[in-house]
Amino acid sequence: MRKPAADSTAISLQQRNGKTAWQLALIVVGMFGFGFALVPLYDLLCEVTGLGGRTGGAYAYDPATVQPDKSRLIQVNFTTNTNAGMPWEFWAEKGGVRVHPGELRQMNFFVRNTTDRRMIGQAVPSVVPPSAAQYFHKTECFCFEQQVLEPGELLEMPMRFIIAKELPKNVQTLSLSYELFDVTNFAARVSVAGSEGSE
């Protein structure tokens, strides 16, 4: 007579285990979605506030309305890094330049895909000191879009910038750093998701 009770206990235990498994699966999916959403939210926050030395998007520059401040020279240093797992070579034409605030300048950067496969890279800029990021404006930059390179391909990438004349007087040197990421798999997932959504 005890067997039915044991059977009902086993069924109840299976139901609870199944419910727990579903709850854990939902938590994992929720955590993944939250983590995925954090990246664009963080990027937006950094772009708006300059947090972490992140620079904003394209800057509209009208040379007719801006006169360089010839009384000051600012040292601008350039550094390049590749994120772990990114096999490309990445470097700047020069380690640094001296510029007048309000003066439009260009620096060329280079990348080489050292692999035997097509890859996509994305450069993320930051400025040190972080408080100077809001005064560093890019009118043209390879960081505004992803770079697609075929195996062994070398690419020259211009970056045009201007330092606002409002840069505090105590800032005489700043550094622009680029971190290069491999976004090949991410771009492929986004492309697949976009094509599925359009069907």
Protein backbone atom coordinates (compact mmCIF):
# COMPACT_ATOMS: atom_id res chain seq x y z
CA MET A 1 0.00 0.00 0.00
CA ARG A 2 3.04 2.23 0.36
CA LYS A 3 4.08 1.94 -3.29
CA PRO A 4 1.59 4.52 -4.60
CA ALA A 5 2.85 6.99 -1.98
CA ALA A 6 6.43 6.38 -3.13
CA ASP A 7 5.35 6.84 -6.77
CA SER A 8 3.62 10.12 -5.98
CA THR A 9 6.69 11.30 -4.06
CA ALA A 10 8.91 10.47 -7.03
CA ILE A 11 6.56 12.29 -9.41
CA SER A 12 6.43 15.29 -7.07
CA LEU A 13 10.23 15.32 -6.87
CA GLN A 14 10.51 15.13 -10.67
CA GLN A 15 8.07 18.02 -11.03
CA ARG A 16 10.03 20.14 -8.55
CA ASN A 17 13.30 19.27 -10.30
CA GLY A 18 11.80 20.18 -13.65
CA LYS A 19 10.47 23.47 -12.30
CA THR A 20 13.87 24.28 -10.77
CA ALA A 21 15.63 23.45 -14.03
CA TRP A 22 13.31 25.80 -15.93
CA GLN A 23 13.88 28.56 -13.40
CA LEU A 24 17.65 28.14 -13.66
CA ALA A 25 17.45 28.18 -17.45
CA LEU A 26 15.43 31.41 -17.35
CA ILE A 27 17.96 32.97 -14.98
CA VAL A 28 20.83 32.01 -17.29
CA VAL A 29 19.01 33.43 -20.34
CA GLY A 30 18.17 36.59 -18.39
CA MET A 31 21.77 37.03 -17.25
CA PHE A 32 23.03 36.55 -20.81
CA GLY A 33 20.54 39.11 -22.13
CA PHE A 34 21.44 41.57 -19.39
CA GLY A 35 25.16 41.14 -20.08
CA PHE A 36 24.58 41.58 -23.82
CA ALA A 37 22.57 44.78 -23.19
CA LEU A 38 25.24 46.22 -20.87
CA VAL A 39 27.72 46.77 -23.71
CA PRO A 40 25.63 49.24 -25.77
CA LEU A 41 24.33 50.88 -22.59
CA TYR A 42 27.88 51.36 -21.30
CA ASP A 43 29.00 52.68 -24.70
CA LEU A 44 26.13 55.17 -24.70
CA LEU A 45 26.90 56.30 -21.16
CA CYS A 46 30.59 56.74 -22.00
CA GLU A 47 29.82 58.65 -25.18
CA VAL A 48 27.45 61.04 -23.43
CA THR A 49 29.54 61.60 -20.29
CA GLY A 50 33.11 60.96 -21.47
CA LEU A 51 33.34 58.35 -18.68
CA GLY A 52 36.52 56.31 -18.84
CA GLY A 53 38.04 58.66 -21.40
CA ARG A 54 35.76 57.41 -24.17
CA THR A 55 35.43 59.79 -27.09
CA GLY A 56 32.21 60.55 -28.94
CA GLY A 57 31.08 60.14 -32.53
CA ALA A 58 31.88 62.22 -35.60
CA TYR A 59 32.40 65.92 -34.96
CA ALA A 60 31.20 68.53 -37.48
CA TYR A 61 34.08 70.91 -38.13
CA ASP A 62 33.77 74.19 -40.02
CA PRO A 63 37.25 75.73 -40.53
CA ALA A 64 35.65 79.09 -41.36
CA THR A 65 34.35 79.41 -37.81
CA VAL A 66 37.37 78.10 -35.88
CA GLN A 67 40.64 79.95 -35.43
CA PRO A 68 43.49 77.88 -33.92
CA ASP A 69 44.96 79.09 -30.65
CA LYS A 70 48.56 79.68 -31.75
CA SER A 71 49.62 80.63 -28.21
CA ARG A 72 49.37 77.00 -27.03
CA LEU A 73 50.80 73.67 -28.12
CA ILE A 74 49.37 70.38 -26.88
CA GLN A 75 51.32 67.13 -27.05
CA VAL A 76 49.07 64.33 -28.33
CA ASN A 77 50.44 60.79 -27.96
CA PHE A 78 49.05 57.77 -29.79
CA THR A 79 49.07 54.18 -28.55
CA THR A 80 47.61 51.05 -30.10
CA ASN A 81 46.78 47.70 -28.51
CA THR A 82 45.17 44.49 -29.68
CA ASN A 83 42.77 42.72 -27.36
CA ALA A 84 43.62 39.18 -26.25
CA GLY A 85 42.88 36.81 -29.11
CA MET A 86 43.16 39.48 -31.81
CA PRO A 87 46.09 38.43 -34.03
CA TRP A 88 46.26 41.54 -36.24
CA GLU A 89 49.17 43.94 -36.27
CA PHE A 90 48.07 47.48 -35.38
CA TRP A 91 50.18 50.63 -35.24
CA ALA A 92 50.18 54.43 -35.63
CA GLU A 93 52.19 56.35 -38.21
CA LYS A 94 53.80 58.35 -35.39
CA GLY A 95 53.96 58.05 -31.63
CA GLY A 96 52.73 61.61 -31.19
CA VAL A 97 52.36 65.15 -32.54
CA ARG A 98 52.17 68.67 -31.15
CA VAL A 99 49.04 70.60 -32.12
CA HIS A 100 47.45 73.97 -31.52
CA PRO A 101 43.95 73.85 -29.99
CA GLY A 102 41.44 74.47 -32.77
CA GLU A 103 43.80 73.10 -35.44
CA LEU A 104 42.58 70.21 -37.63
CA ARG A 105 45.18 67.44 -37.87
CA GLN A 106 45.38 63.98 -39.38
CA MET A 107 47.12 60.83 -38.17
CA ASN A 108 47.25 57.60 -40.11
CA PHE A 109 46.91 54.19 -38.47
CA PHE A 110 47.61 50.80 -40.01
CA VAL A 111 46.31 47.27 -39.52
CA ARG A 112 47.42 44.01 -41.08
CA ASN A 113 45.45 40.76 -40.96
CA THR A 114 48.19 38.24 -40.18
CA THR A 115 45.87 35.24 -40.46
CA ASP A 116 44.76 33.06 -43.37
CA ARG A 117 41.09 33.92 -42.90
CA ARG A 118 38.81 36.90 -43.42
CA MET A 119 38.32 38.81 -40.18
CA ILE A 120 36.46 41.85 -38.86
CA GLY A 121 37.99 44.25 -36.34
CA GLN A 122 36.61 47.11 -34.27
CA ALA A 123 38.77 49.78 -32.63
CA VAL A 124 37.61 51.42 -29.39
CA PRO A 125 39.23 54.76 -28.47
CA SER A 126 39.93 56.30 -25.08
CA VAL A 127 41.68 59.46 -23.93
CA VAL A 128 43.94 60.07 -20.95
CA PRO A 129 43.40 62.09 -18.87
CA PRO A 130 39.71 61.09 -19.03
CA SER A 131 38.63 64.66 -18.28
CA ALA A 132 40.13 65.72 -21.63
CA ALA A 133 37.98 63.32 -23.67
CA GLN A 134 35.19 65.88 -24.10
CA TYR A 135 37.67 68.26 -25.78
CA PHE A 136 39.09 65.68 -28.21
CA HIS A 137 36.94 65.67 -31.35
CA LYS A 138 37.28 63.30 -34.32
CA THR A 139 35.93 64.50 -37.67
CA GLU A 140 36.88 61.23 -39.35
CA CYS A 141 37.88 57.95 -37.72
CA PHE A 142 38.18 54.27 -38.57
CA CYS A 143 36.71 53.62 -35.11
CA PHE A 144 33.29 54.75 -36.36
CA GLU A 145 32.88 51.49 -38.27
CA GLN A 146 34.12 47.91 -38.37
CA GLN A 147 37.12 47.05 -40.53
CA VAL A 148 36.92 43.96 -42.77
CA LEU A 149 40.27 42.54 -43.86
CA GLU A 150 41.03 39.60 -46.09
CA PRO A 151 43.92 37.21 -45.25
CA GLY A 152 47.23 39.10 -45.23
CA GLU A 153 45.58 42.43 -46.16
CA LEU A 154 47.14 45.72 -45.02
CA LEU A 155 44.91 48.75 -44.53
CA GLU A 156 45.78 52.42 -43.97
CA MET A 157 43.18 54.17 -41.82
CA PRO A 158 43.12 57.98 -41.43
CA MET A 159 41.93 59.70 -38.29
CA ARG A 160 41.30 63.47 -38.37
CA PHE A 161 40.93 65.31 -35.10
CA ILE A 162 40.75 68.69 -33.44
CA ILE A 163 41.33 69.63 -29.83
CA ALA A 164 38.83 72.19 -28.60
CA LYS A 165 40.22 75.52 -27.51
CA GLU A 166 38.26 75.10 -24.27
CA LEU A 167 40.73 72.42 -23.13
CA PRO A 168 41.80 73.49 -19.60
CA LYS A 169 45.09 75.36 -19.52
CA ASN A 170 46.64 72.89 -17.08
CA VAL A 171 46.33 70.03 -19.64
CA GLN A 172 49.41 70.14 -21.84
CA THR A 173 49.62 66.47 -22.81
CA LEU A 174 47.00 63.89 -23.64
CA SER A 175 47.08 60.38 -25.03
CA LEU A 176 44.68 58.77 -27.48
CA SER A 177 44.67 55.01 -27.15
CA TYR A 178 42.94 52.48 -29.40
CA GLU A 179 42.08 48.93 -28.37
CA LEU A 180 41.42 46.64 -31.35
CA PHE A 181 38.91 43.81 -30.89
CA ASP A 182 38.11 40.77 -33.01
CA VAL A 183 34.36 41.06 -33.71
CA THR A 184 34.20 38.50 -36.52
CA ASN A 185 31.90 36.06 -34.70
CA PHE A 186 29.79 38.84 -33.16
CA ALA A 187 29.26 40.46 -36.59
CA ALA A 188 28.26 37.09 -38.04
CA ARG A 189 25.66 36.56 -35.28
CA VAL A 190 24.24 40.03 -35.78
CA SER A 191 24.04 39.42 -39.54
CA VAL A 192 22.22 36.10 -39.04
CA ALA A 193 19.81 37.64 -36.54
CA GLY A 194 19.11 40.52 -38.94
CA SER A 195 18.42 38.21 -41.86
CA GLU A 196 16.11 36.03 -39.76
CA GLY A 197 14.21 39.09 -38.54
CA SER A 198 13.60 40.30 -42.09
CA GLU A 199 12.02 37.05 -43.19
